[in-house]
Amino acid sequence: MRPGNIYIYIAVMATVTYLIRALPLTLIRKEIKSPYIRSFLHFVPYATLSAMTFPAILYSARVPSAGIGALLTALVLAYKGKSLLTVAIGACIAVYIIEAVAV
């Protein structure tokens, strides 16, 4: 790979990213009335965030079982209606305990 090619790659990525964000704003000017499309668009940020963070949860710890334990801890705490801070701290504590026991 030649050093000059990296700038072409960056330019293409910037253009694609800009078009993905700009085209809906320019092409769709009316309010979206379809309840199906509105509900779909409502859940897109949650699905995207989940898809980005889920692999990181499982593979960020030294021991794979620590990631799974943190995920299960976070799911239980979230299901019980705990705050985001409580869920995050609980998952961190679970990773710490599982890694301390496993290593």
Protein backbone atom coordinates (compact mmCIF):
# COMPACT_ATOMS: atom_id res chain seq x y z
CA MET A 1 0.00 0.00 0.00
CA ARG A 2 1.41 3.34 -1.02
CA PRO A 3 1.31 6.17 1.56
CA GLY A 4 -0.81 8.35 -0.75
CA ASN A 5 -3.63 5.80 -0.83
CA ILE A 6 -4.52 6.38 2.80
CA TYR A 7 -5.82 9.85 1.97
CA ILE A 8 -8.05 8.42 -0.73
CA TYR A 9 -9.45 5.90 1.74
CA ILE A 10 -10.11 8.60 4.32
CA ALA A 11 -11.80 10.82 1.71
CA VAL A 12 -14.06 7.98 0.56
CA MET A 13 -15.00 7.09 4.14
CA ALA A 14 -15.75 10.75 4.95
CA THR A 15 -17.90 11.10 1.82
CA VAL A 16 -19.88 7.94 2.53
CA THR A 17 -20.40 8.93 6.16
CA TYR A 18 -21.56 12.41 5.14
CA LEU A 19 -23.94 11.07 2.48
CA ILE A 20 -25.50 8.58 4.89
CA ARG A 21 -26.30 11.44 7.25
CA ALA A 22 -27.15 14.16 4.74
CA LEU A 23 -29.30 12.29 2.21
CA PRO A 24 -32.21 11.52 4.56
CA LEU A 25 -32.32 15.18 5.59
CA THR A 26 -32.45 16.38 2.00
CA LEU A 27 -34.69 13.68 0.50
CA ILE A 28 -37.29 13.34 3.26
CA ARG A 29 -38.77 16.74 3.96
CA LYS A 30 -42.28 15.73 5.05
CA GLU A 31 -43.19 14.31 8.43
CA ILE A 32 -43.16 10.50 8.49
CA LYS A 33 -46.73 9.38 9.22
CA SER A 34 -46.37 5.61 8.91
CA PRO A 35 -46.47 4.09 12.40
CA TYR A 36 -44.35 1.15 11.21
CA ILE A 37 -41.53 3.36 9.90
CA ARG A 38 -41.73 5.66 12.93
CA SER A 39 -41.42 2.73 15.35
CA PHE A 40 -38.57 1.28 13.27
CA LEU A 41 -36.68 4.59 13.35
CA HIS A 42 -37.34 4.91 17.08
CA PHE A 43 -35.43 1.69 17.82
CA VAL A 44 -32.52 2.18 15.39
CA PRO A 45 -30.26 4.00 17.93
CA TYR A 46 -30.80 1.28 20.55
CA ALA A 47 -30.10 -1.52 18.09
CA THR A 48 -26.98 0.22 16.80
CA LEU A 49 -25.64 0.84 20.29
CA SER A 50 -26.30 -2.79 21.23
CA ALA A 51 -24.56 -4.09 18.12
CA MET A 52 -21.50 -1.96 18.84
CA THR A 53 -21.18 -2.67 22.56
CA PHE A 54 -22.18 -6.34 22.81
CA PRO A 55 -18.93 -7.78 21.36
CA ALA A 56 -16.89 -5.38 23.49
CA ILE A 57 -18.65 -6.61 26.64
CA LEU A 58 -17.73 -10.21 25.94
CA TYR A 59 -14.14 -9.72 24.78
CA SER A 60 -12.86 -6.79 26.86
CA ALA A 61 -11.96 -8.82 29.95
CA ARG A 62 -8.89 -11.03 30.27
CA VAL A 63 -11.07 -14.03 31.03
CA PRO A 64 -14.03 -14.69 28.69
CA SER A 65 -16.18 -15.89 31.58
CA ALA A 66 -15.73 -12.47 33.23
CA GLY A 67 -17.38 -10.79 30.25
CA ILE A 68 -20.27 -13.23 30.35
CA GLY A 69 -20.63 -12.75 34.11
CA ALA A 70 -20.66 -8.97 33.69
CA LEU A 71 -23.29 -9.24 30.97
CA LEU A 72 -25.51 -11.43 33.14
CA THR A 73 -25.04 -9.12 36.13
CA ALA A 74 -25.92 -6.09 34.03
CA LEU A 75 -29.02 -7.82 32.62
CA VAL A 76 -30.28 -8.77 36.08
CA LEU A 77 -29.69 -5.29 37.51
CA ALA A 78 -31.30 -3.62 34.50
CA TYR A 79 -34.28 -5.97 34.67
CA LYS A 80 -34.75 -5.00 38.32
CA GLY A 81 -34.95 -1.35 37.24
CA LYS A 82 -31.65 -0.13 38.66
CA SER A 83 -30.07 3.06 37.34
CA LEU A 84 -27.50 3.08 34.55
CA LEU A 85 -24.73 3.95 37.00
CA THR A 86 -25.69 1.05 39.28
CA VAL A 87 -25.75 -1.37 36.34
CA ALA A 88 -22.34 -0.21 35.10
CA ILE A 89 -20.74 -0.39 38.55
CA GLY A 90 -22.29 -3.80 39.17
CA ALA A 91 -20.90 -5.13 35.88
CA CYS A 92 -17.44 -3.73 36.70
CA ILE A 93 -17.50 -5.35 40.14
CA ALA A 94 -18.56 -8.65 38.57
CA VAL A 95 -15.61 -8.53 36.15
CA TYR A 96 -13.22 -7.70 38.99
CA ILE A 97 -14.44 -10.56 41.19
CA ILE A 98 -14.52 -13.15 38.40
CA GLU A 99 -11.04 -12.21 37.16
CA ALA A 100 -9.67 -12.29 40.72
CA VAL A 101 -11.07 -15.77 41.27
CA ALA A 102 -10.12 -17.12 37.81
CA VAL A 103 -6.50 -15.88 37.77
